[in-house]
PDB file of N, CA and C in Angstrom:
ATOM      1  N   MET A   1    -266.791  12.631-113.697  1.00  0.00           N
ATOM      2  CA  MET A   1    -265.963  12.820-115.286  1.00  0.00           C
ATOM      3  C   MET A   1    -266.823  13.554-116.448  1.00  0.00           C
ATOM      4  N   SER A   2    -266.121  14.491-116.713  1.00  0.00           N
ATOM      5  CA  SER A   2    -266.606  15.200-118.236  1.00  0.00           C
ATOM      6  C   SER A   2    -267.093  14.425-118.844  1.00  0.00           C
ATOM      7  N   LEU A   3    -267.643  14.336-120.219  1.00  0.00           N
ATOM      8  CA  LEU A   3    -267.783  13.873-121.406  1.00  0.00           C
ATOM      9  C   LEU A   3    -266.922  13.798-122.288  1.00  0.00           C
ATOM     10  N   PHE A   4    -266.077  14.575-122.131  1.00  0.00           N
ATOM     11  CA  PHE A   4    -264.546  14.651-122.959  1.00  0.00           C
ATOM     12  C   PHE A   4    -264.040  13.788-122.457  1.00  0.00           C
ATOM     13  N   GLN A   5    -263.955  13.427-120.772  1.00  0.00           N
ATOM     14  CA  GLN A   5    -262.783  12.505-120.049  1.00  0.00           C
ATOM     15  C   GLN A   5    -263.808  11.107-121.024  1.00  0.00           C
ATOM     16  N   ILE A   6    -264.382  11.028-120.483  1.00  0.00           N
ATOM     17  CA  ILE A   6    -265.558   9.374-120.868  1.00  0.00           C
ATOM     18  C   ILE A   6    -265.120   9.078-122.393  1.00  0.00           C
ATOM     19  N   GLY A   7    -264.798  10.536-123.436  1.00  0.00           N
ATOM     20  CA  GLY A   7    -264.876   9.998-124.498  1.00  0.00           C
ATOM     21  C   GLY A   7    -263.472   9.484-124.574  1.00  0.00           C
ATOM     22  N   LEU A   8    -262.596  10.171-123.961  1.00  0.00           N
ATOM     23  CA  LEU A   8    -260.802  10.087-123.813  1.00  0.00           C
ATOM     24  C   LEU A   8    -260.714   8.644-123.582  1.00  0.00           C
ATOM     25  N   ALA A   9    -260.964   7.720-122.085  1.00  0.00           N
ATOM     26  CA  ALA A   9    -261.083   6.697-121.760  1.00  0.00           C
ATOM     27  C   ALA A   9    -261.569   5.787-122.916  1.00  0.00           C
ATOM     28  N   LEU A  10    -262.853   5.788-123.196  1.00  0.00           N
ATOM     29  CA  LEU A  10    -263.664   5.167-124.275  1.00  0.00           C
ATOM     30  C   LEU A  10    -262.408   5.047-125.665  1.00  0.00           C
ATOM     31  N   LEU A  11    -261.825   5.762-126.603  1.00  0.00           N
ATOM     32  CA  LEU A  11    -261.181   5.919-127.606  1.00  0.00           C
ATOM     33  C   LEU A  11    -259.666   4.874-126.897  1.00  0.00           C
ATOM     34  N   THR A  12    -259.275   5.698-125.448  1.00  0.00           N
ATOM     35  CA  THR A  12    -257.868   4.402-125.230  1.00  0.00           C
ATOM     36  C   THR A  12    -258.365   3.384-125.574  1.00  0.00           C
ATOM     37  N   VAL A  13    -259.527   3.039-124.982  1.00  0.00           N
ATOM     38  CA  VAL A  13    -259.329   1.189-124.549  1.00  0.00           C
ATOM     39  C   VAL A  13    -259.904   0.759-126.252  1.00  0.00           C
ATOM     40  N   VAL A  14    -260.296   1.658-127.123  1.00  0.00           N
ATOM     41  CA  VAL A  14    -260.841   1.143-128.285  1.00  0.00           C
ATOM     42  C   VAL A  14    -259.744   0.904-129.187  1.00  0.00           C
ATOM     43  N   ILE A  15    -258.863   1.734-128.772  1.00  0.00           N
ATOM     44  CA  ILE A  15    -257.485   1.778-129.373  1.00  0.00           C
ATOM     45  C   ILE A  15    -256.901   0.205-129.196  1.00  0.00           C
ATOM     46  N   LEU A  16    -256.654   0.108-127.774  1.00  0.00           N
ATOM     47  CA  LEU A  16    -256.188  -0.878-126.707  1.00  0.00           C
ATOM     48  C   LEU A  16    -256.688  -2.330-127.537  1.00  0.00           C
ATOM     49  N   ALA A  17    -257.603  -2.360-127.820  1.00  0.00           N
ATOM     50  CA  ALA A  17    -258.772  -3.529-128.544  1.00  0.00           C
ATOM     51  C   ALA A  17    -257.974  -3.798-130.040  1.00  0.00           C
ATOM     52  N   VAL A  18    -258.127  -2.887-130.438  1.00  0.00           N
ATOM     53  CA  VAL A  18    -257.763  -2.715-132.196  1.00  0.00           C
ATOM     54  C   VAL A  18    -255.956  -3.375-131.763  1.00  0.00           C
ATOM     55  N   GLY A  19    -255.511  -2.898-131.029  1.00  0.00           N
ATOM     56  CA  GLY A  19    -253.970  -3.737-130.894  1.00  0.00           C
ATOM     57  C   GLY A  19    -254.066  -5.010-130.834  1.00  0.00           C
ATOM     58  N   GLN A  20    -255.329  -5.231-130.038  1.00  0.00           N
ATOM     59  CA  GLN A  20    -254.804  -6.589-129.532  1.00  0.00           C
ATOM     60  C   GLN A  20    -255.022  -7.108-131.124  1.00  0.00           C
ATOM     61  N   ILE A  21    -256.444  -6.964-131.586  1.00  0.00           N
ATOM     62  CA  ILE A  21    -256.377  -7.843-132.951  1.00  0.00           C
ATOM     63  C   ILE A  21    -255.300  -7.996-134.043  1.00  0.00           C
ATOM     64  N   LEU A  22    -254.671  -6.965-134.123  1.00  0.00           N
ATOM     65  CA  LEU A  22    -253.368  -6.305-134.511  1.00  0.00           C
ATOM     66  C   LEU A  22    -252.553  -8.026-134.115  1.00  0.00           C
ATOM     67  N   PHE A  23    -252.428  -8.002-132.653  1.00  0.00           N
ATOM     68  CA  PHE A  23    -251.182  -8.832-132.224  1.00  0.00           C
ATOM     69  C   PHE A  23    -251.917 -10.124-132.465  1.00  0.00           C
ATOM     70  N   LYS A  24    -253.361 -10.516-132.160  1.00  0.00           N
ATOM     71  CA  LYS A  24    -253.784 -11.871-133.097  1.00  0.00           C
ATOM     72  C   LYS A  24    -253.450 -11.742-134.461  1.00  0.00           C
ATOM     73  N   MET A  25    -253.388 -10.980-135.306  1.00  0.00           N
ATOM     74  CA  MET A  25    -253.040 -11.134-136.487  1.00  0.00           C
ATOM     75  C   MET A  25    -251.359 -11.409-136.828  1.00  0.00           C
ATOM     76  N   ALA A  26    -250.756 -10.825-135.895  1.00  0.00           N
ATOM     77  CA  ALA A  26    -249.122 -11.070-136.180  1.00  0.00           C
ATOM     78  C   ALA A  26    -248.867 -12.179-135.644  1.00  0.00           C
ATOM     79  N   ALA A  27    -249.463 -12.903-134.294  1.00  0.00           N
ATOM     80  CA  ALA A  27    -249.321 -14.256-134.187  1.00  0.00           C
ATOM     81  C   ALA A  27    -249.800 -15.225-135.193  1.00  0.00           C
ATOM     82  N   SER A  28    -250.868 -15.324-136.001  1.00  0.00           N
ATOM     83  CA  SER A  28    -251.197 -15.995-136.690  1.00  0.00           C
ATOM     84  C   SER A  28    -250.333 -15.817-138.015  1.00  0.00           C
ATOM     85  N   GLN A  29    -249.427 -14.843-138.291  1.00  0.00           N
ATOM     86  CA  GLN A  29    -249.053 -15.163-139.270  1.00  0.00           C
ATOM     87  C   GLN A  29    -247.549 -15.957-139.124  1.00  0.00           C
ATOM     88  N   LEU A  30    -246.971 -16.149-137.689  1.00  0.00           N
ATOM     89  CA  LEU A  30    -245.946 -16.879-137.243  1.00  0.00           C
ATOM     90  C   LEU A  30    -246.064 -18.347-137.614  1.00  0.00           C
ATOM     91  N   SER A  31    -245.511 -18.940-138.362  1.00  0.00           N
ATOM     92  CA  SER A  31    -245.795 -20.327-138.243  1.00  0.00           C
ATOM     93  C   SER A  31    -244.709 -20.996-138.665  1.00  0.00           C
ATOM     94  N   GLY A  32    -244.682 -22.556-138.728  1.00  0.00           N
ATOM     95  CA  GLY A  32    -243.770 -23.561-138.975  1.00  0.00           C
ATOM     96  C   GLY A  32    -242.139 -23.253-138.172  1.00  0.00           C
ATOM     97  N   THR A  33    -241.257 -23.354-138.757  1.00  0.00           N
ATOM     98  CA  THR A  33    -240.343 -23.587-138.584  1.00  0.00           C
ATOM     99  C   THR A  33    -239.044 -22.027-138.766  1.00  0.00           C
ATOM    100  N   GLY A  34    -238.257 -22.277-138.357  1.00  0.00           N
ATOM    101  CA  GLY A  34    -237.359 -21.297-138.691  1.00  0.00           C
ATOM    102  C   GLY A  34    -237.570 -19.776-137.246  1.00  0.00           C
ATOM    103  N   ALA A  35    -236.861 -18.757-137.603  1.00  0.00           N
ATOM    104  CA  ALA A  35    -236.554 -18.096-136.724  1.00  0.00           C
ATOM    105  C   ALA A  35    -238.105 -17.102-136.469  1.00  0.00           C
ATOM    106  N   VAL A  36    -238.272 -17.624-135.102  1.00  0.00           N
ATOM    107  CA  VAL A  36    -239.749 -16.976-135.255  1.00  0.00           C
ATOM    108  C   VAL A  36    -239.932 -15.404-134.564  1.00  0.00           C
ATOM    109  N   TRP A  37    -238.471 -14.835-134.141  1.00  0.00           N
ATOM    110  CA  TRP A  37    -238.341 -13.802-133.522  1.00  0.00           C
ATOM    111  C   TRP A  37    -238.451 -13.073-135.060  1.00  0.00           C
ATOM    112  N   LEU A  38    -237.949 -13.640-135.887  1.00  0.00           N
ATOM    113  CA  LEU A  38    -237.251 -12.414-137.295  1.00  0.00           C
ATOM    114  C   LEU A  38    -238.677 -12.438-137.725  1.00  0.00           C
ATOM    115  N   ALA A  39    -239.390 -13.621-138.187  1.00  0.00           N
ATOM    116  CA  ALA A  39    -241.143 -13.322-138.704  1.00  0.00           C
ATOM    117  C   ALA A  39    -241.303 -12.072-137.973  1.00  0.00           C
ATOM    118  N   ALA A  40    -241.091 -12.356-136.803  1.00  0.00           N
ATOM    119  CA  ALA A  40    -242.300 -11.217-135.633  1.00  0.00           C
ATOM    120  C   ALA A  40    -241.810  -9.653-136.288  1.00  0.00           C
ATOM    121  N   LEU A  41    -240.798  -9.783-135.966  1.00  0.00           N
ATOM    122  CA  LEU A  41    -239.659  -8.342-136.481  1.00  0.00           C
ATOM    123  C   LEU A  41    -240.239  -7.855-137.936  1.00  0.00           C
ATOM    124  N   ARG A  42    -240.913  -8.570-138.915  1.00  0.00           N
ATOM    125  CA  ARG A  42    -241.168  -8.500-140.508  1.00  0.00           C
ATOM    126  C   ARG A  42    -242.966  -8.328-140.199  1.00  0.00           C
ATOM    127  N   SER A  43    -243.437  -8.508-139.438  1.00  0.00           N
ATOM    128  CA  SER A  43    -244.406  -8.305-139.305  1.00  0.00           C
ATOM    129  C   SER A  43    -245.519  -7.178-139.071  1.00  0.00           C
ATOM    130  N   TRP A  44    -246.660  -6.757-140.228  1.00  0.00           N
ATOM    131  CA  TRP A  44    -247.004  -5.679-140.118  1.00  0.00           C
ATOM    132  C   TRP A  44    -247.872  -5.354-138.822  1.00  0.00           C
ATOM    133  N   PRO A  45    -248.333  -6.229-139.038  1.00  0.00           N
ATOM    134  CA  PRO A  45    -249.264  -6.024-137.506  1.00  0.00           C
ATOM    135  C   PRO A  45    -249.516  -6.075-136.072  1.00  0.00           C
ATOM    136  N   LEU A  46    -247.980  -6.516-135.998  1.00  0.00           N
ATOM    137  CA  LEU A  46    -247.004  -6.561-135.035  1.00  0.00           C
ATOM    138  C   LEU A  46    -246.106  -5.129-134.608  1.00  0.00           C
ATOM    139  N   TRP A  47    -246.115  -4.230-135.287  1.00  0.00           N
ATOM    140  CA  TRP A  47    -245.558  -2.694-135.601  1.00  0.00           C
ATOM    141  C   TRP A  47    -246.822  -1.839-135.254  1.00  0.00           C
ATOM    142  N   ALA A  48    -248.216  -2.430-135.941  1.00  0.00           N
ATOM    143  CA  ALA A  48    -249.022  -0.926-136.068  1.00  0.00           C
ATOM    144  C   ALA A  48    -249.255  -1.302-134.404  1.00  0.00           C
ATOM    145  N   GLY A  49    -249.715  -2.784-134.473  1.00  0.00           N
ATOM    146  CA  GLY A  49    -250.635  -2.787-132.540  1.00  0.00           C
ATOM    147  C   GLY A  49    -249.462  -1.933-131.758  1.00  0.00           C
ATOM    148  N   LEU A  50    -247.972  -2.501-131.937  1.00  0.00           N
ATOM    149  CA  LEU A  50    -247.286  -1.719-130.580  1.00  0.00           C
ATOM    150  C   LEU A  50    -247.466  -0.573-131.042  1.00  0.00           C
ATOM    151  N   LEU A  51    -247.513   0.136-132.176  1.00  0.00           N
ATOM    152  CA  LEU A  51    -247.662   2.163-132.907  1.00  0.00           C
ATOM    153  C   LEU A  51    -248.768   2.428-131.569  1.00  0.00           C
ATOM    154  N   LEU A  52    -249.929   1.070-131.635  1.00  0.00           N
ATOM    155  CA  LEU A  52    -251.199   1.923-130.873  1.00  0.00           C
ATOM    156  C   LEU A  52    -250.894   1.890-129.411  1.00  0.00           C
ATOM    157  N   TYR A  53    -250.620   0.823-128.921  1.00  0.00           N
ATOM    158  CA  TYR A  53    -250.278   0.579-127.444  1.00  0.00           C
ATOM    159  C   TYR A  53    -249.265   2.047-127.540  1.00  0.00           C
ATOM    160  N   GLY A  54    -248.475   2.528-127.971  1.00  0.00           N
ATOM    161  CA  GLY A  54    -247.955   3.497-127.662  1.00  0.00           C
ATOM    162  C   GLY A  54    -248.966   5.179-127.535  1.00  0.00           C
ATOM    163  N   ILE A  55    -249.477   4.879-128.901  1.00  0.00           N
ATOM    164  CA  ILE A  55    -250.527   6.187-128.519  1.00  0.00           C
ATOM    165  C   ILE A  55    -251.509   5.766-127.685  1.00  0.00           C
ATOM    166  N   ALA A  56    -252.278   4.999-126.940  1.00  0.00           N
ATOM    167  CA  ALA A  56    -253.153   4.239-126.515  1.00  0.00           C
ATOM    168  C   ALA A  56    -252.440   5.049-124.795  1.00  0.00           C
ATOM    169  N   THR A  57    -251.122   4.413-124.856  1.00  0.00           N
ATOM    170  CA  THR A  57    -250.173   4.865-123.217  1.00  0.00           C
ATOM    171  C   THR A  57    -250.489   6.251-123.430  1.00  0.00           C
ATOM    172  N   VAL A  58    -250.057   7.437-124.065  1.00  0.00           N
ATOM    173  CA  VAL A  58    -249.984   8.819-123.760  1.00  0.00           C
ATOM    174  C   VAL A  58    -251.213   9.258-123.651  1.00  0.00           C
ATOM    175  N   LEU A  59    -252.345   8.955-124.513  1.00  0.00           N
ATOM    176  CA  LEU A  59    -253.785   9.083-124.260  1.00  0.00           C
ATOM    177  C   LEU A  59    -254.108   9.074-122.842  1.00  0.00           C
ATOM    178  N   TRP A  60    -253.594   7.807-122.500  1.00  0.00           N
ATOM    179  CA  TRP A  60    -253.988   7.566-120.949  1.00  0.00           C
ATOM    180  C   TRP A  60    -253.300   8.324-119.896  1.00  0.00           C
ATOM    181  N   LEU A  61    -252.252   8.836-120.479  1.00  0.00           N
ATOM    182  CA  LEU A  61    -251.568   9.396-119.609  1.00  0.00           C
ATOM    183  C   LEU A  61    -252.163  11.052-119.352  1.00  0.00           C
ATOM    184  N   LEU A  62    -252.783  11.829-120.623  1.00  0.00           N
ATOM    185  CA  LEU A  62    -253.295  12.659-120.243  1.00  0.00           C
ATOM    186  C   LEU A  62    -254.486  12.562-119.788  1.00  0.00           C
ATOM    187  N   LEU A  63    -255.322  11.604-119.728  1.00  0.00           N
ATOM    188  CA  LEU A  63    -256.379  11.887-119.329  1.00  0.00           C
ATOM    189  C   LEU A  63    -256.500  11.399-117.780  1.00  0.00           C
ATOM    190  N   LEU A  64    -255.182  10.686-116.846  1.00  0.00           N
ATOM    191  CA  LEU A  64    -254.740  10.550-115.587  1.00  0.00           C
ATOM    192  C   LEU A  64    -254.084  11.955-114.754  1.00  0.00           C
ATOM    193  N   ARG A  65    -254.104  12.652-115.862  1.00  0.00           N
ATOM    194  CA  ARG A  65    -253.679  13.944-115.274  1.00  0.00           C
ATOM    195  C   ARG A  65    -254.759  15.005-114.803  1.00  0.00           C
ATOM    196  N   HIS A  66    -255.923  14.362-115.034  1.00  0.00           N
ATOM    197  CA  HIS A  66    -257.200  15.131-114.744  1.00  0.00           C
ATOM    198  C   HIS A  66    -258.445  14.074-114.519  1.00  0.00           C
ATOM    199  N   VAL A  67    -258.106  13.152-114.247  1.00  0.00           N
ATOM    200  CA  VAL A  67    -259.139  12.137-113.668  1.00  0.00           C
ATOM    201  C   VAL A  67    -258.567  10.976-112.444  1.00  0.00           C
ATOM    202  N   PRO A  68    -258.948  11.132-111.241  1.00  0.00           N
ATOM    203  CA  PRO A  68    -258.671   9.972-110.648  1.00  0.00           C
ATOM    204  C   PRO A  68    -258.627   8.641-110.938  1.00  0.00           C
ATOM    205  N   LEU A  69    -257.395   7.670-110.696  1.00  0.00           N
ATOM    206  CA  LEU A  69    -257.059   6.421-111.235  1.00  0.00           C
ATOM    207  C   LEU A  69    -258.401   5.663-110.975  1.00  0.00           C
ATOM    208  N   ARG A  70    -259.193   6.113-109.453  1.00  0.00           N
ATOM    209  CA  ARG A  70    -260.386   5.123-109.078  1.00  0.00           C
ATOM    210  C   ARG A  70    -261.500   5.064-110.274  1.00  0.00           C
ATOM    211  N   LEU A  71    -261.465   6.039-111.170  1.00  0.00           N
ATOM    212  CA  LEU A  71    -262.602   6.330-111.955  1.00  0.00           C
ATOM    213  C   LEU A  71    -262.066   5.885-113.515  1.00  0.00           C
ATOM    214  N   ALA A  72    -261.204   6.244-113.673  1.00  0.00           N
ATOM    215  CA  ALA A  72    -260.609   6.340-115.097  1.00  0.00           C
ATOM    216  C   ALA A  72    -260.260   4.648-115.208  1.00  0.00           C
ATOM    217  N   TYR A  73    -259.761   3.634-114.099  1.00  0.00           N
ATOM    218  CA  TYR A  73    -259.164   2.421-114.384  1.00  0.00           C
ATOM    219  C   TYR A  73    -260.270   1.236-115.167  1.00  0.00           C
ATOM    220  N   PRO A  74    -261.651   1.771-114.560  1.00  0.00           N
ATOM    221  CA  PRO A  74    -262.728   0.439-114.259  1.00  0.00           C
ATOM    222  C   PRO A  74    -262.815   0.423-116.009  1.00  0.00           C
ATOM    223  N   PHE A  75    -263.351   1.800-116.424  1.00  0.00           N
ATOM    224  CA  PHE A  75    -262.922   1.519-117.938  1.00  0.00           C
ATOM    225  C   PHE A  75    -262.250   0.782-118.967  1.00  0.00           C
ATOM    226  N   VAL A  76    -261.062   0.018-118.417  1.00  0.00           N
ATOM    227  CA  VAL A  76    -260.514  -0.664-118.662  1.00  0.00           C
ATOM    228  C   VAL A  76    -260.829  -1.802-119.218  1.00  0.00           C
ATOM    229  N   GLY A  77    -261.803  -2.263-118.140  1.00  0.00           N
ATOM    230  CA  GLY A  77    -262.705  -3.817-117.989  1.00  0.00           C
ATOM    231  C   GLY A  77    -263.320  -3.853-119.865  1.00  0.00           C
ATOM    232  N   LEU A  78    -263.617  -2.684-120.185  1.00  0.00           N
ATOM    233  CA  LEU A  78    -264.230  -2.395-121.361  1.00  0.00           C
ATOM    234  C   LEU A  78    -263.714  -3.039-122.665  1.00  0.00           C
ATOM    235  N   ALA A  79    -262.569  -3.370-122.499  1.00  0.00           N
ATOM    236  CA  ALA A  79    -261.670  -4.442-123.317  1.00  0.00           C
ATOM    237  C   ALA A  79    -262.263  -5.360-123.385  1.00  0.00           C
ATOM    238  N   PHE A  80    -262.918  -5.701-122.187  1.00  0.00           N
ATOM    239  CA  PHE A  80    -263.089  -7.656-122.156  1.00  0.00           C
ATOM    240  C   PHE A  80    -264.630  -7.348-122.920  1.00  0.00           C
ATOM    241  N   VAL A  81    -265.071  -6.556-123.486  1.00  0.00           N
ATOM    242  CA  VAL A  81    -266.524  -6.233-124.011  1.00  0.00           C
ATOM    243  C   VAL A  81    -265.994  -6.332-125.308  1.00  0.00           C
ATOM    244  N   PHE A  82    -265.209  -4.864-125.826  1.00  0.00           N
ATOM    245  CA  PHE A  82    -264.524  -4.532-127.307  1.00  0.00           C
ATOM    246  C   PHE A  82    -263.933  -5.938-128.181  1.00  0.00           C
ATOM    247  N   VAL A  83    -262.813  -6.314-127.099  1.00  0.00           N
ATOM    248  CA  VAL A  83    -262.103  -7.246-128.055  1.00  0.00           C
ATOM    249  C   VAL A  83    -262.900  -8.356-128.420  1.00  0.00           C
ATOM    250  N   PRO A  84    -263.627  -9.128-127.447  1.00  0.00           N
ATOM    251  CA  PRO A  84    -264.328  -9.828-128.453  1.00  0.00           C
ATOM    252  C   PRO A  84    -265.393  -9.518-129.449  1.00  0.00           C
ATOM    253  N   LEU A  85    -266.031  -8.612-129.422  1.00  0.00           N
ATOM    254  CA  LEU A  85    -267.112  -8.089-130.817  1.00  0.00           C
ATOM    255  C   LEU A  85    -265.771  -8.101-131.644  1.00  0.00           C
ATOM    256  N   MET A  86    -264.755  -7.300-131.654  1.00  0.00           N
ATOM    257  CA  MET A  86    -263.918  -7.271-132.409  1.00  0.00           C
ATOM    258  C   MET A  86    -262.975  -8.578-133.074  1.00  0.00           C
ATOM    259  N   ALA A  87    -262.639  -9.036-132.566  1.00  0.00           N
ATOM    260  CA  ALA A  87    -262.639 -10.425-132.887  1.00  0.00           C
ATOM    261  C   ALA A  87    -263.471 -11.278-133.589  1.00  0.00           C
ATOM    262  N   HIS A  88    -264.793 -11.419-133.438  1.00  0.00           N
ATOM    263  CA  HIS A  88    -265.726 -11.719-133.764  1.00  0.00           C
ATOM    264  C   HIS A  88    -266.048 -11.328-135.227  1.00  0.00           C
ATOM    265  N   TRP A  89    -266.185  -9.669-135.485  1.00  0.00           N
ATOM    266  CA  TRP A  89    -265.716  -9.085-136.563  1.00  0.00           C
ATOM    267  C   TRP A  89    -265.071  -8.911-137.363  1.00  0.00           C
ATOM    268  N   CYS A  90    -263.768  -8.287-136.721  1.00  0.00           N
ATOM    269  CA  CYS A  90    -262.469  -8.751-137.811  1.00  0.00           C
ATOM    270  C   CYS A  90    -261.691  -9.740-138.340  1.00  0.00           C
ATOM    271  N   LEU A  91    -261.979 -11.077-137.503  1.00  0.00           N
ATOM    272  CA  LEU A  91    -261.284 -12.282-137.591  1.00  0.00           C
ATOM    273  C   LEU A  91    -261.822 -13.496-137.834  1.00  0.00           C
ATOM    274  N   GLY A  92    -263.548 -13.361-137.479  1.00  0.00           N
ATOM    275  CA  GLY A  92    -264.363 -14.024-138.203  1.00  0.00           C
ATOM    276  C   GLY A  92    -264.141 -15.301-136.651  1.00  0.00           C
ATOM    277  N   GLU A  93    -263.813 -15.063-135.313  1.00  0.00           N
ATOM    278  CA  GLU A  93    -263.787 -15.654-134.121  1.00  0.00           C
ATOM    279  C   GLU A  93    -265.548 -15.745-133.723  1.00  0.00           C
ATOM    280  N   THR A  94    -265.597 -17.101-133.208  1.00  0.00           N
ATOM    281  CA  THR A  94    -267.273 -17.436-132.580  1.00  0.00           C
ATOM    282  C   THR A  94    -267.274 -16.646-131.738  1.00  0.00           C
ATOM    283  N   LEU A  95    -268.812 -16.044-131.376  1.00  0.00           N
ATOM    284  CA  LEU A  95    -268.643 -15.178-130.148  1.00  0.00           C
ATOM    285  C   LEU A  95    -270.310 -15.862-129.419  1.00  0.00           C
ATOM    286  N   HIS A  96    -270.113 -16.629-128.300  1.00  0.00           N
ATOM    287  CA  HIS A  96    -270.887 -17.349-127.524  1.00  0.00           C
ATOM    288  C   HIS A  96    -271.441 -15.909-126.582  1.00  0.00           C
ATOM    289  N   PRO A  97    -272.739 -16.598-126.943  1.00  0.00           N
ATOM    290  CA  PRO A  97    -273.844 -16.120-125.606  1.00  0.00           C
ATOM    291  C   PRO A  97    -273.142 -15.492-124.514  1.00  0.00           C
ATOM    292  N   TYR A  98    -272.236 -16.348-123.722  1.00  0.00           N
ATOM    293  CA  TYR A  98    -272.326 -16.141-122.411  1.00  0.00           C
ATOM    294  C   TYR A  98    -270.735 -15.156-122.443  1.00  0.00           C
ATOM    295  N   THR A  99    -270.523 -15.036-123.457  1.00  0.00           N
ATOM    296  CA  THR A  99    -269.477 -13.804-123.589  1.00  0.00           C
ATOM    297  C   THR A  99    -270.324 -12.259-123.681  1.00  0.00           C
ATOM    298  N   LEU A 100    -271.621 -12.467-124.015  1.00  0.00           N
ATOM    299  CA  LEU A 100    -272.072 -11.264-124.522  1.00  0.00           C
ATOM    300  C   LEU A 100    -272.829 -10.655-123.147  1.00  0.00           C
ATOM    301  N   TRP A 101    -273.177 -12.304-121.966  1.00  0.00           N
ATOM    302  CA  TRP A 101    -273.684 -11.830-120.796  1.00  0.00           C
ATOM    303  C   TRP A 101    -272.746 -11.310-120.419  1.00  0.00           C
ATOM    304  N   GLY A 102    -271.468 -11.747-120.296  1.00  0.00           N
ATOM    305  CA  GLY A 102    -270.808 -11.390-119.405  1.00  0.00           C
ATOM    306  C   GLY A 102    -269.949  -9.591-119.423  1.00  0.00           C
ATOM    307  N   ALA A 103    -269.973  -9.348-121.196  1.00  0.00           N
ATOM    308  CA  ALA A 103    -270.106  -7.898-121.534  1.00  0.00           C
ATOM    309  C   ALA A 103    -270.815  -7.324-121.008  1.00  0.00           C
ATOM    310  N   LEU A 104    -271.711  -7.769-121.310  1.00  0.00           N
ATOM    311  CA  LEU A 104    -272.960  -6.530-119.876  1.00  0.00           C
ATOM    312  C   LEU A 104    -273.182  -6.580-118.817  1.00  0.00           C
ATOM    313  N   LEU A 105    -272.513  -7.462-118.110  1.00  0.00           N
ATOM    314  CA  LEU A 105    -271.970  -7.604-116.782  1.00  0.00           C
ATOM    315  C   LEU A 105    -270.773  -6.726-116.509  1.00  0.00           C
ATOM    316  N   ILE A 106    -270.302  -6.500-117.330  1.00  0.00           N
ATOM    317  CA  ILE A 106    -268.901  -5.760-117.207  1.00  0.00           C
ATOM    318  C   ILE A 106    -268.978  -4.162-117.545  1.00  0.00           C
ATOM    319  N   SER A 107    -270.040  -4.284-118.276  1.00  0.00           N
ATOM    320  CA  SER A 107    -270.281  -2.532-118.637  1.00  0.00           C
ATOM    321  C   SER A 107    -271.217  -2.315-117.305  1.00  0.00           C
ATOM    322  N   VAL A 108    -272.187  -2.728-116.684  1.00  0.00           N
ATOM    323  CA  VAL A 108    -273.200  -2.482-115.907  1.00  0.00           C
ATOM    324  C   VAL A 108    -272.004  -2.257-114.635  1.00  0.00           C
ATOM    325  N   GLY A 109    -271.220  -3.233-114.385  1.00  0.00           N
ATOM    326  CA  GLY A 109    -269.912  -3.098-113.456  1.00  0.00           C
ATOM    327  C   GLY A 109    -269.391  -1.410-113.929  1.00  0.00           C
ATOM    328  N   VAL A 110    -269.160  -1.243-114.656  1.00  0.00           N
ATOM    329  CA  VAL A 110    -268.115   0.185-115.185  1.00  0.00           C
ATOM    330  C   VAL A 110    -269.335   1.105-114.796  1.00  0.00           C
ATOM    331  N   VAL A 111    -270.282   0.958-115.362  1.00  0.00           N
ATOM    332  CA  VAL A 111    -271.070   2.619-115.010  1.00  0.00           C
ATOM    333  C   VAL A 111    -271.080   2.314-113.808  1.00  0.00           C
ATOM    334  N   VAL A 112    -271.758   1.285-112.761  1.00  0.00           N
ATOM    335  CA  VAL A 112    -271.792   1.705-111.004  1.00  0.00           C
ATOM    336  C   VAL A 112    -270.822   2.164-110.499  1.00  0.00           C
ATOM    337  N   SER A 113    -269.396   1.261-110.871  1.00  0.00           N
ATOM    338  CA  SER A 113    -268.140   1.974-110.544  1.00  0.00           C
ATOM    339  C   SER A 113    -268.015   3.256-110.877  1.00  0.00           C
ATOM    340  N   THR A 114    -268.312   4.346-111.846  1.00  0.00           N
ATOM    341  CA  THR A 114    -267.845   5.048-111.551  1.00  0.00           C
ATOM    342  C   THR A 114    -268.719   6.385-111.418  1.00  0.00           C
ATOM    343  N   LEU A 115    -270.049   5.900-111.297  1.00  0.00           N
ATOM    344  CA  LEU A 115    -270.959   6.776-110.538  1.00  0.00           C
ATOM    345  C   LEU A 115    -270.611   7.837-109.340  1.00  0.00           C
ATOM    346  N   GLY A 116    -270.733   8.618-109.901  1.00  0.00           N
ATOM    347  CA  GLY A 116    -270.613   9.618-108.407  1.00  0.00           C
ATOM    348  C   GLY A 116    -269.473  10.446-108.597  1.00  0.00           C
ATOM    349  N   GLY A 117    -268.531  10.086-109.547  1.00  0.00           N
ATOM    350  CA  GLY A 117    -267.414  10.683-109.625  1.00  0.00           C
ATOM    351  C   GLY A 117    -266.915  11.735-109.801  1.00  0.00           C
TER     352      GLY A 117
END
């Protein structure tokens, strides 16, 4: 994979991770009684997250035009690295040391699985 392709894969995963943060924000706004679906439709974080997912899908398709799926797909695993870190920084969620160890192992796995590609 070229540096551009690696960058595109990373950008796609970061956009997906930001989308997850927005979905969590949207879910946090849904509370109490009433029509949850109606509140969801009025949630700007939900719509922003859906928009980002659409953008990420287009970027992913562009990447897959030039990169074998066996090389591109391991990058999706990095969402398990980015999402907990962003949840900690943006939402104040607790970041457990085991999460960091897992993130390190996943990162190594992505590198190993894409070597020689």
